[in-house]
Amino acid sequence: MNGKEHESMTFAGQIADRLETVCREEQIAALALIAGPAFLGMLRDKLGSHARPFVRWELDKNITKLDPWKMRTFLPERLSLLS
């Protein structure tokens, strides 16, 4: 594993830890995971038993460099339908 992969794995772990906390404390109703394919795989691997059941939708695409209007085309019509 190179330095960039290690950094990505560490970041995925940090995100997963935070998601575990908010899911365990029932601060959210549902999760939509959006990330590039490799990072989404890392994030899935790091999610624990509290967060996994909250995942309602996933998109394995890096949309971070898109403008908000283009980003929106990749999302469900109504995000509230995820819960």
Protein backbone atom coordinates (compact mmCIF):
# COMPACT_ATOMS: atom_id res chain seq x y z
CA MET A 1 0.00 0.00 0.00
CA ASN A 2 1.44 3.35 -1.00
CA GLY A 3 1.14 6.60 0.96
CA LYS A 4 -1.92 7.86 -0.92
CA GLU A 5 -3.77 4.56 -0.43
CA HIS A 6 -2.88 4.59 3.27
CA GLU A 7 -4.14 8.17 3.58
CA SER A 8 -7.40 7.25 1.81
CA MET A 9 -7.88 4.22 4.04
CA THR A 10 -7.31 6.34 7.14
CA PHE A 11 -9.79 8.97 5.91
CA ALA A 12 -12.39 6.28 5.12
CA GLY A 13 -11.94 4.99 8.67
CA GLN A 14 -12.48 8.46 10.12
CA ILE A 15 -15.67 8.94 8.11
CA ALA A 16 -16.92 5.47 9.06
CA ASP A 17 -16.22 6.14 12.76
CA ARG A 18 -18.24 9.35 12.63
CA LEU A 19 -21.09 7.63 10.78
CA GLU A 20 -21.09 4.85 13.36
CA THR A 21 -21.50 7.44 16.11
CA VAL A 22 -24.38 9.34 14.51
CA CYS A 23 -26.16 6.11 13.58
CA ARG A 24 -25.69 4.56 17.02
CA GLU A 25 -27.12 7.73 18.59
CA GLU A 26 -29.94 7.72 15.99
CA GLN A 27 -29.15 11.27 14.87
CA ILE A 28 -30.05 10.41 11.26
CA ALA A 29 -32.71 8.40 9.46
CA ALA A 30 -30.76 7.25 6.40
CA LEU A 31 -27.41 7.46 4.62
CA ALA A 32 -26.60 8.05 0.96
CA LEU A 33 -22.98 7.22 0.16
CA ILE A 34 -21.39 8.96 -2.82
CA ALA A 35 -17.71 8.43 -3.61
CA GLY A 36 -15.41 7.24 -6.33
CA PRO A 37 -15.43 3.46 -6.75
CA ALA A 38 -12.17 2.75 -4.89
CA PHE A 39 -12.98 5.03 -1.97
CA LEU A 40 -16.56 3.78 -1.74
CA GLY A 41 -15.18 0.25 -1.43
CA MET A 42 -12.88 1.35 1.40
CA LEU A 43 -15.75 3.11 3.14
CA ARG A 44 -18.01 0.05 2.86
CA ASP A 45 -15.24 -2.09 4.36
CA LYS A 46 -14.88 0.29 7.31
CA LEU A 47 -18.60 0.75 8.09
CA GLY A 48 -19.67 -1.05 11.23
CA SER A 49 -22.86 -2.74 12.34
CA HIS A 50 -24.54 0.49 13.42
CA ALA A 51 -24.11 2.39 10.15
CA ARG A 52 -24.64 -0.36 7.57
CA PRO A 53 -28.41 -0.68 8.09
CA PHE A 54 -28.81 3.07 7.51
CA VAL A 55 -27.32 2.96 3.99
CA ARG A 56 -30.25 3.42 1.60
CA TRP A 57 -28.46 4.47 -1.58
CA GLU A 58 -24.96 4.44 -3.06
CA LEU A 59 -23.32 6.05 -6.06
CA ASP A 60 -19.85 4.85 -7.05
CA LYS A 61 -18.82 7.99 -8.92
CA ASN A 62 -16.55 10.88 -8.02
CA ILE A 63 -18.75 13.94 -8.50
CA THR A 64 -16.72 16.38 -6.38
CA LYS A 65 -15.46 18.45 -9.31
CA LEU A 66 -18.90 18.91 -10.89
CA ASP A 67 -20.93 22.07 -10.51
CA PRO A 68 -23.99 21.72 -8.22
CA TRP A 69 -26.47 21.49 -11.11
CA LYS A 70 -24.57 18.64 -12.77
CA MET A 71 -24.11 16.93 -9.39
CA ARG A 72 -27.85 16.99 -8.87
CA THR A 73 -28.42 14.91 -12.01
CA PHE A 74 -26.75 11.95 -10.30
CA LEU A 75 -28.94 12.08 -7.19
CA PRO A 76 -32.42 10.65 -6.66
CA GLU A 77 -35.20 13.06 -7.56
CA ARG A 78 -36.05 13.51 -3.91
CA LEU A 79 -33.43 12.62 -1.34
CA SER A 80 -36.19 12.40 1.26
CA LEU A 81 -37.33 9.18 -0.46
CA LEU A 82 -34.23 7.47 0.89
CA SER A 83 -35.60 7.21 4.42
